[in-house]
């Protein structure tokens, strides 16, 4: 009986030479305005939730016996859609800005107001609180809520400048970002018509860092087109 040579007995797996190197999107088309993708081979519509392509790969393998190599298999460290690192492992912009180490009067007032929820007026009406600032070495503590508010706004602009600078550095390096936003409703802050105020929370992120850009006020309805316009502005 003739013995088979090693080259004859060796089988080729789909992930080897038979795997195609063309792009996944040569075989699918994105359906505008949805998270769906249409297979160009059989016209079946598949969900492409959050840009994940695993379901599309499974469809090609099981239905059409087509094996598309992922970028990781082609030597690219990024996936086809830049799958995000879990948010818990992402570096937040607050870790790049020395906000907690900033012991200036403006920074301390801003943290007490924005993080701890103290009202502007309490710093001008509370004798004990003002004495506490004085004993801690702070002088010229603002005496009116309006001046305190102005100080907080100035500090916020300073932080915004840091964020803009950090994003600019990544843009100059040719890095790409994703923008996500969701709607928030405040039941505490009501409009003059006694309606709940609505906001858009805007986030910018990439695979290793996360920026929260704050809230944008929504007036009236908030269809997708208006949300995109507000975020662009």
C-alpha atoms as a PDB file:
ATOM      1  CA  UNK A   1       0.000   0.000   0.000  1.00  0.00           C
ATOM      2  CA  UNK A   2       1.396   3.317  -1.073  1.00  0.00           C
ATOM      3  CA  UNK A   3       2.149   5.659   1.793  1.00  0.00           C
ATOM      4  CA  UNK A   4       0.801   9.195   1.534  1.00  0.00           C
ATOM      5  CA  UNK A   5       3.295  11.998   1.628  1.00  0.00           C
ATOM      6  CA  UNK A   6       2.941  14.606   4.360  1.00  0.00           C
ATOM      7  CA  UNK A   7       1.930  17.208   1.788  1.00  0.00           C
ATOM      8  CA  UNK A   8      -0.936  14.990   0.564  1.00  0.00           C
ATOM      9  CA  UNK A   9      -2.304  14.213   4.024  1.00  0.00           C
ATOM     10  CA  UNK A  10      -2.134  17.774   5.295  1.00  0.00           C
ATOM     11  CA  UNK A  11      -5.505  19.539   5.250  1.00  0.00           C
ATOM     12  CA  UNK A  12      -5.976  23.255   4.782  1.00  0.00           C
ATOM     13  CA  UNK A  13      -8.208  24.961   7.325  1.00  0.00           C
ATOM     14  CA  UNK A  14     -10.533  27.823   6.336  1.00  0.00           C
ATOM     15  CA  UNK A  15      -8.379  30.212   8.329  1.00  0.00           C
ATOM     16  CA  UNK A  16      -5.304  29.438   6.187  1.00  0.00           C
ATOM     17  CA  UNK A  17      -4.840  29.878   2.412  1.00  0.00           C
ATOM     18  CA  UNK A  18      -8.547  29.465   1.649  1.00  0.00           C
ATOM     19  CA  UNK A  19      -9.457  32.482   3.751  1.00  0.00           C
ATOM     20  CA  UNK A  20     -10.059  35.480   1.533  1.00  0.00           C
ATOM     21  CA  UNK A  21      -8.187  38.699   2.109  1.00  0.00           C
ATOM     22  CA  UNK A  22     -10.731  41.033   0.547  1.00  0.00           C
ATOM     23  CA  UNK A  23     -12.658  43.417   2.764  1.00  0.00           C
ATOM     24  CA  UNK A  24     -15.811  42.326   4.536  1.00  0.00           C
ATOM     25  CA  UNK A  25     -17.596  45.316   3.034  1.00  0.00           C
ATOM     26  CA  UNK A  26     -16.943  44.015  -0.467  1.00  0.00           C
ATOM     27  CA  UNK A  27     -19.653  41.470   0.340  1.00  0.00           C
ATOM     28  CA  UNK A  28     -22.018  43.622   2.405  1.00  0.00           C
ATOM     29  CA  UNK A  29     -23.588  47.039   1.989  1.00  0.00           C
ATOM     30  CA  UNK A  30     -24.603  49.242   4.891  1.00  0.00           C
ATOM     31  CA  UNK A  31     -28.248  50.294   4.942  1.00  0.00           C
ATOM     32  CA  UNK A  32     -28.327  54.048   5.447  1.00  0.00           C
ATOM     33  CA  UNK A  33     -30.028  55.283   8.601  1.00  0.00           C
ATOM     34  CA  UNK A  34     -30.005  51.866  10.290  1.00  0.00           C
ATOM     35  CA  UNK A  35     -27.590  49.486  11.969  1.00  0.00           C
ATOM     36  CA  UNK A  36     -28.301  46.819   9.360  1.00  0.00           C
ATOM     37  CA  UNK A  37     -26.115  45.383   6.623  1.00  0.00           C
ATOM     38  CA  UNK A  38     -27.296  43.653   3.446  1.00  0.00           C
ATOM     39  CA  UNK A  39     -25.500  40.616   2.085  1.00  0.00           C
ATOM     40  CA  UNK A  40     -24.702  41.232  -1.589  1.00  0.00           C
ATOM     41  CA  UNK A  41     -24.680  37.494  -2.277  1.00  0.00           C
ATOM     42  CA  UNK A  42     -28.144  36.504  -1.011  1.00  0.00           C
ATOM     43  CA  UNK A  43     -29.757  39.895  -0.170  1.00  0.00           C
ATOM     44  CA  UNK A  44     -30.340  38.860   3.447  1.00  0.00           C
ATOM     45  CA  UNK A  45     -30.418  41.768   5.896  1.00  0.00           C
ATOM     46  CA  UNK A  46     -28.400  41.290   9.088  1.00  0.00           C
ATOM     47  CA  UNK A  47     -28.055  43.338  12.236  1.00  0.00           C
ATOM     48  CA  UNK A  48     -24.786  45.219  12.618  1.00  0.00           C
ATOM     49  CA  UNK A  49     -25.390  46.447  16.160  1.00  0.00           C
ATOM     50  CA  UNK A  50     -22.769  48.932  17.391  1.00  0.00           C
ATOM     51  CA  UNK A  51     -20.629  48.155  14.366  1.00  0.00           C
ATOM     52  CA  UNK A  52     -19.823  44.601  15.453  1.00  0.00           C
ATOM     53  CA  UNK A  53     -19.058  42.351  12.484  1.00  0.00           C
ATOM     54  CA  UNK A  54     -19.037  38.918  14.136  1.00  0.00           C
ATOM     55  CA  UNK A  55     -22.544  38.116  12.861  1.00  0.00           C
ATOM     56  CA  UNK A  56     -21.556  39.056   9.334  1.00  0.00           C
ATOM     57  CA  UNK A  57     -18.542  36.732   9.439  1.00  0.00           C
ATOM     58  CA  UNK A  58     -20.718  33.894  10.772  1.00  0.00           C
ATOM     59  CA  UNK A  59     -23.241  34.435   7.953  1.00  0.00           C
ATOM     60  CA  UNK A  60     -20.548  34.222   5.288  1.00  0.00           C
ATOM     61  CA  UNK A  61     -19.008  31.090   6.804  1.00  0.00           C
ATOM     62  CA  UNK A  62     -22.217  29.141   7.395  1.00  0.00           C
ATOM     63  CA  UNK A  63     -24.321  30.258   4.430  1.00  0.00           C
ATOM     64  CA  UNK A  64     -21.811  30.850   1.658  1.00  0.00           C
ATOM     65  CA  UNK A  65     -18.671  29.032   2.853  1.00  0.00           C
ATOM     66  CA  UNK A  66     -16.760  32.275   2.479  1.00  0.00           C
ATOM     67  CA  UNK A  67     -14.038  32.936   5.008  1.00  0.00           C
ATOM     68  CA  UNK A  68     -12.909  36.540   5.310  1.00  0.00           C
ATOM     69  CA  UNK A  69      -9.724  37.175   7.224  1.00  0.00           C
ATOM     70  CA  UNK A  70      -9.998  39.740   9.972  1.00  0.00           C
ATOM     71  CA  UNK A  71      -7.447  42.491  10.278  1.00  0.00           C
ATOM     72  CA  UNK A  72      -5.953  40.822  13.323  1.00  0.00           C
ATOM     73  CA  UNK A  73      -5.219  37.790  11.144  1.00  0.00           C
ATOM     74  CA  UNK A  74      -3.595  40.031   8.552  1.00  0.00           C
ATOM     75  CA  UNK A  75      -1.179  41.545  11.035  1.00  0.00           C
ATOM     76  CA  UNK A  76      -3.253  44.631  11.935  1.00  0.00           C
ATOM     77  CA  UNK A  77      -3.666  45.075  15.658  1.00  0.00           C
ATOM     78  CA  UNK A  78      -6.982  46.882  15.244  1.00  0.00           C
ATOM     79  CA  UNK A  79     -10.181  45.041  14.379  1.00  0.00           C
ATOM     80  CA  UNK A  80     -12.321  45.846  11.371  1.00  0.00           C
ATOM     81  CA  UNK A  81     -14.376  48.343  13.308  1.00  0.00           C
ATOM     82  CA  UNK A  82     -11.910  49.303  15.997  1.00  0.00           C
ATOM     83  CA  UNK A  83     -13.641  47.303  18.743  1.00  0.00           C
ATOM     84  CA  UNK A  84     -13.498  49.362  21.879  1.00  0.00           C
ATOM     85  CA  UNK A  85     -11.691  48.457  25.053  1.00  0.00           C
ATOM     86  CA  UNK A  86     -14.267  48.028  27.847  1.00  0.00           C
ATOM     87  CA  UNK A  87     -15.055  51.439  29.298  1.00  0.00           C
ATOM     88  CA  UNK A  88     -13.823  50.374  32.729  1.00  0.00           C
ATOM     89  CA  UNK A  89     -10.345  49.984  31.208  1.00  0.00           C
ATOM     90  CA  UNK A  90     -10.441  53.223  29.243  1.00  0.00           C
ATOM     91  CA  UNK A  91      -8.447  56.169  30.466  1.00  0.00           C
ATOM     92  CA  UNK A  92     -10.682  59.089  31.309  1.00  0.00           C
ATOM     93  CA  UNK A  93      -9.762  62.646  30.420  1.00  0.00           C
ATOM     94  CA  UNK A  94      -9.871  63.530  34.120  1.00  0.00           C
ATOM     95  CA  UNK A  95      -6.816  61.311  34.562  1.00  0.00           C
ATOM     96  CA  UNK A  96      -4.866  63.548  32.170  1.00  0.00           C
ATOM     97  CA  UNK A  97      -5.865  66.823  33.825  1.00  0.00           C
ATOM     98  CA  UNK A  98      -4.581  67.573  37.347  1.00  0.00           C
ATOM     99  CA  UNK A  99      -7.989  68.721  38.611  1.00  0.00           C
ATOM    100  CA  UNK A 100      -7.813  67.033  42.020  1.00  0.00           C
ATOM    101  CA  UNK A 101      -4.238  68.179  42.558  1.00  0.00           C
ATOM    102  CA  UNK A 102      -5.218  71.763  41.761  1.00  0.00           C
ATOM    103  CA  UNK A 103      -5.692  73.432  45.142  1.00  0.00           C
ATOM    104  CA  UNK A 104      -6.385  76.918  43.817  1.00  0.00           C
ATOM    105  CA  UNK A 105      -9.455  78.703  45.169  1.00  0.00           C
ATOM    106  CA  UNK A 106     -11.215  78.490  41.803  1.00  0.00           C
ATOM    107  CA  UNK A 107     -10.579  74.746  41.536  1.00  0.00           C
ATOM    108  CA  UNK A 108     -11.777  74.029  45.091  1.00  0.00           C
ATOM    109  CA  UNK A 109     -14.938  76.112  44.612  1.00  0.00           C
ATOM    110  CA  UNK A 110     -15.629  74.412  41.273  1.00  0.00           C
ATOM    111  CA  UNK A 111     -15.315  70.924  42.760  1.00  0.00           C
ATOM    112  CA  UNK A 112     -17.534  71.754  45.729  1.00  0.00           C
ATOM    113  CA  UNK A 113     -20.207  73.134  43.415  1.00  0.00           C
ATOM    114  CA  UNK A 114     -20.054  70.719  40.467  1.00  0.00           C
ATOM    115  CA  UNK A 115     -19.159  67.498  42.305  1.00  0.00           C
ATOM    116  CA  UNK A 116     -20.639  67.993  45.776  1.00  0.00           C
ATOM    117  CA  UNK A 117     -23.646  70.013  44.666  1.00  0.00           C
ATOM    118  CA  UNK A 118     -23.213  73.016  46.960  1.00  0.00           C
ATOM    119  CA  UNK A 119     -25.110  76.133  45.791  1.00  0.00           C
ATOM    120  CA  UNK A 120     -23.295  79.329  44.866  1.00  0.00           C
ATOM    121  CA  UNK A 121     -24.980  81.307  47.640  1.00  0.00           C
ATOM    122  CA  UNK A 122     -23.763  79.104  50.496  1.00  0.00           C
ATOM    123  CA  UNK A 123     -20.215  80.422  50.149  1.00  0.00           C
ATOM    124  CA  UNK A 124     -21.402  83.966  50.772  1.00  0.00           C
ATOM    125  CA  UNK A 125     -23.959  83.222  53.521  1.00  0.00           C
ATOM    126  CA  UNK A 126     -22.213  80.542  55.613  1.00  0.00           C
ATOM    127  CA  UNK A 127     -19.884  82.136  58.175  1.00  0.00           C
ATOM    128  CA  UNK A 128     -18.434  78.760  59.166  1.00  0.00           C
ATOM    129  CA  UNK A 129     -17.659  77.846  55.580  1.00  0.00           C
ATOM    130  CA  UNK A 130     -15.924  81.165  54.946  1.00  0.00           C
ATOM    131  CA  UNK A 131     -13.923  80.774  58.171  1.00  0.00           C
ATOM    132  CA  UNK A 132     -12.904  77.301  57.016  1.00  0.00           C
ATOM    133  CA  UNK A 133     -11.549  78.736  53.769  1.00  0.00           C
ATOM    134  CA  UNK A 134      -9.696  81.476  55.647  1.00  0.00           C
ATOM    135  CA  UNK A 135      -8.136  79.034  58.125  1.00  0.00           C
ATOM    136  CA  UNK A 136      -7.001  76.898  55.176  1.00  0.00           C
ATOM    137  CA  UNK A 137      -5.010  79.807  53.805  1.00  0.00           C
ATOM    138  CA  UNK A 138      -7.429  81.081  51.178  1.00  0.00           C
ATOM    139  CA  UNK A 139      -7.841  84.843  51.054  1.00  0.00           C
ATOM    140  CA  UNK A 140     -10.255  87.027  49.117  1.00  0.00           C
ATOM    141  CA  UNK A 141     -13.017  84.415  49.082  1.00  0.00           C
ATOM    142  CA  UNK A 142     -15.753  85.846  46.809  1.00  0.00           C
ATOM    143  CA  UNK A 143     -18.618  87.401  48.737  1.00  0.00           C
ATOM    144  CA  UNK A 144     -21.408  87.224  46.150  1.00  0.00           C
ATOM    145  CA  UNK A 145     -22.918  84.247  44.285  1.00  0.00           C
ATOM    146  CA  UNK A 146     -22.370  85.998  40.944  1.00  0.00           C
ATOM    147  CA  UNK A 147     -18.615  86.367  41.469  1.00  0.00           C
ATOM    148  CA  UNK A 148     -18.386  82.727  42.589  1.00  0.00           C
ATOM    149  CA  UNK A 149     -20.304  81.682  39.493  1.00  0.00           C
ATOM    150  CA  UNK A 150     -17.925  83.667  37.282  1.00  0.00           C
ATOM    151  CA  UNK A 151     -14.932  81.975  38.942  1.00  0.00           C
ATOM    152  CA  UNK A 152     -16.432  78.540  38.314  1.00  0.00           C
ATOM    153  CA  UNK A 153     -17.114  79.376  34.665  1.00  0.00           C
ATOM    154  CA  UNK A 154     -13.536  80.618  34.211  1.00  0.00           C
ATOM    155  CA  UNK A 155     -12.183  77.399  35.718  1.00  0.00           C
ATOM    156  CA  UNK A 156     -14.460  75.361  33.441  1.00  0.00           C
ATOM    157  CA  UNK A 157     -13.043  77.205  30.427  1.00  0.00           C
ATOM    158  CA  UNK A 158      -9.551  76.360  31.648  1.00  0.00           C
ATOM    159  CA  UNK A 159     -10.450  72.659  31.850  1.00  0.00           C
ATOM    160  CA  UNK A 160     -12.066  72.870  28.420  1.00  0.00           C
ATOM    161  CA  UNK A 161      -8.811  74.255  27.070  1.00  0.00           C
ATOM    162  CA  UNK A 162      -6.953  71.233  28.470  1.00  0.00           C
ATOM    163  CA  UNK A 163      -9.439  68.863  26.823  1.00  0.00           C
ATOM    164  CA  UNK A 164      -9.215  70.697  23.495  1.00  0.00           C
ATOM    165  CA  UNK A 165      -5.423  70.544  23.660  1.00  0.00           C
ATOM    166  CA  UNK A 166      -5.396  66.800  24.380  1.00  0.00           C
ATOM    167  CA  UNK A 167      -7.827  66.039  21.544  1.00  0.00           C
ATOM    168  CA  UNK A 168      -5.774  68.263  19.228  1.00  0.00           C
ATOM    169  CA  UNK A 169      -2.622  66.284  20.008  1.00  0.00           C
ATOM    170  CA  UNK A 170      -4.316  63.036  18.990  1.00  0.00           C
ATOM    171  CA  UNK A 171      -5.745  64.636  15.822  1.00  0.00           C
ATOM    172  CA  UNK A 172      -2.291  65.849  14.804  1.00  0.00           C
ATOM    173  CA  UNK A 173      -1.077  62.260  15.148  1.00  0.00           C
ATOM    174  CA  UNK A 174      -3.778  61.146  12.718  1.00  0.00           C
ATOM    175  CA  UNK A 175      -5.839  59.374  15.364  1.00  0.00           C
ATOM    176  CA  UNK A 176      -9.553  58.814  14.778  1.00  0.00           C
ATOM    177  CA  UNK A 177     -12.365  59.142  17.291  1.00  0.00           C
ATOM    178  CA  UNK A 178     -15.933  58.021  17.850  1.00  0.00           C
ATOM    179  CA  UNK A 179     -18.698  60.326  19.080  1.00  0.00           C
ATOM    180  CA  UNK A 180     -21.586  58.940  21.111  1.00  0.00           C
ATOM    181  CA  UNK A 181     -24.401  60.796  22.787  1.00  0.00           C
ATOM    182  CA  UNK A 182     -27.558  59.987  24.674  1.00  0.00           C
ATOM    183  CA  UNK A 183     -30.511  61.949  25.988  1.00  0.00           C
ATOM    184  CA  UNK A 184     -30.900  62.952  29.620  1.00  0.00           C
ATOM    185  CA  UNK A 185     -33.990  64.366  31.311  1.00  0.00           C
ATOM    186  CA  UNK A 186     -33.766  66.521  34.431  1.00  0.00           C
ATOM    187  CA  UNK A 187     -36.835  66.371  36.647  1.00  0.00           C
ATOM    188  CA  UNK A 188     -35.372  68.911  39.061  1.00  0.00           C
ATOM    189  CA  UNK A 189     -34.761  71.652  36.515  1.00  0.00           C
ATOM    190  CA  UNK A 190     -38.033  72.573  34.872  1.00  0.00           C
ATOM    191  CA  UNK A 191     -38.702  75.138  32.179  1.00  0.00           C
ATOM    192  CA  UNK A 192     -41.107  78.044  32.481  1.00  0.00           C
ATOM    193  CA  UNK A 193     -43.805  75.820  30.981  1.00  0.00           C
ATOM    194  CA  UNK A 194     -43.205  73.362  33.851  1.00  0.00           C
ATOM    195  CA  UNK A 195     -41.674  70.840  31.469  1.00  0.00           C
ATOM    196  CA  UNK A 196     -38.697  68.652  32.240  1.00  0.00           C
ATOM    197  CA  UNK A 197     -35.473  69.996  30.737  1.00  0.00           C
ATOM    198  CA  UNK A 198     -33.742  67.667  28.284  1.00  0.00           C
ATOM    199  CA  UNK A 199     -30.054  67.453  27.488  1.00  0.00           C
ATOM    200  CA  UNK A 200     -27.672  65.529  25.243  1.00  0.00           C
ATOM    201  CA  UNK A 201     -24.646  64.000  26.932  1.00  0.00           C
ATOM    202  CA  UNK A 202     -21.753  64.084  24.444  1.00  0.00           C
ATOM    203  CA  UNK A 203     -18.829  61.651  24.680  1.00  0.00           C
ATOM    204  CA  UNK A 204     -15.746  61.389  22.489  1.00  0.00           C
ATOM    205  CA  UNK A 205     -13.646  58.250  22.740  1.00  0.00           C
ATOM    206  CA  UNK A 206     -11.156  55.993  21.066  1.00  0.00           C
ATOM    207  CA  UNK A 207      -9.841  52.584  22.057  1.00  0.00           C
ATOM    208  CA  UNK A 208      -7.733  53.767  24.981  1.00  0.00           C
ATOM    209  CA  UNK A 209      -9.217  57.041  26.244  1.00  0.00           C
ATOM    210  CA  UNK A 210     -12.602  58.551  26.991  1.00  0.00           C
ATOM    211  CA  UNK A 211     -13.691  62.209  27.093  1.00  0.00           C
ATOM    212  CA  UNK A 212     -16.995  63.423  28.503  1.00  0.00           C
ATOM    213  CA  UNK A 213     -17.712  66.803  26.919  1.00  0.00           C
ATOM    214  CA  UNK A 214     -20.728  67.595  29.074  1.00  0.00           C
ATOM    215  CA  UNK A 215     -24.383  68.360  28.390  1.00  0.00           C
ATOM    216  CA  UNK A 216     -26.065  70.253  25.555  1.00  0.00           C
ATOM    217  CA  UNK A 217     -29.532  71.688  26.259  1.00  0.00           C
ATOM    218  CA  UNK A 218     -32.364  70.502  23.987  1.00  0.00           C
ATOM    219  CA  UNK A 219     -35.251  72.854  23.237  1.00  0.00           C
ATOM    220  CA  UNK A 220     -38.348  71.123  21.888  1.00  0.00           C
ATOM    221  CA  UNK A 221     -38.168  67.756  20.182  1.00  0.00           C
ATOM    222  CA  UNK A 222     -34.954  65.867  19.557  1.00  0.00           C
ATOM    223  CA  UNK A 223     -35.057  63.839  16.329  1.00  0.00           C
ATOM    224  CA  UNK A 224     -31.823  62.327  15.083  1.00  0.00           C
ATOM    225  CA  UNK A 225     -31.171  65.190  12.657  1.00  0.00           C
ATOM    226  CA  UNK A 226     -31.451  67.807  15.406  1.00  0.00           C
ATOM    227  CA  UNK A 227     -29.199  65.799  17.741  1.00  0.00           C
ATOM    228  CA  UNK A 228     -26.508  65.635  15.056  1.00  0.00           C
ATOM    229  CA  UNK A 229     -26.822  69.381  14.484  1.00  0.00           C
ATOM    230  CA  UNK A 230     -26.471  70.142  18.206  1.00  0.00           C
ATOM    231  CA  UNK A 231     -23.450  67.865  18.555  1.00  0.00           C
ATOM    232  CA  UNK A 232     -21.805  69.401  15.469  1.00  0.00           C
ATOM    233  CA  UNK A 233     -22.285  72.905  16.889  1.00  0.00           C
END
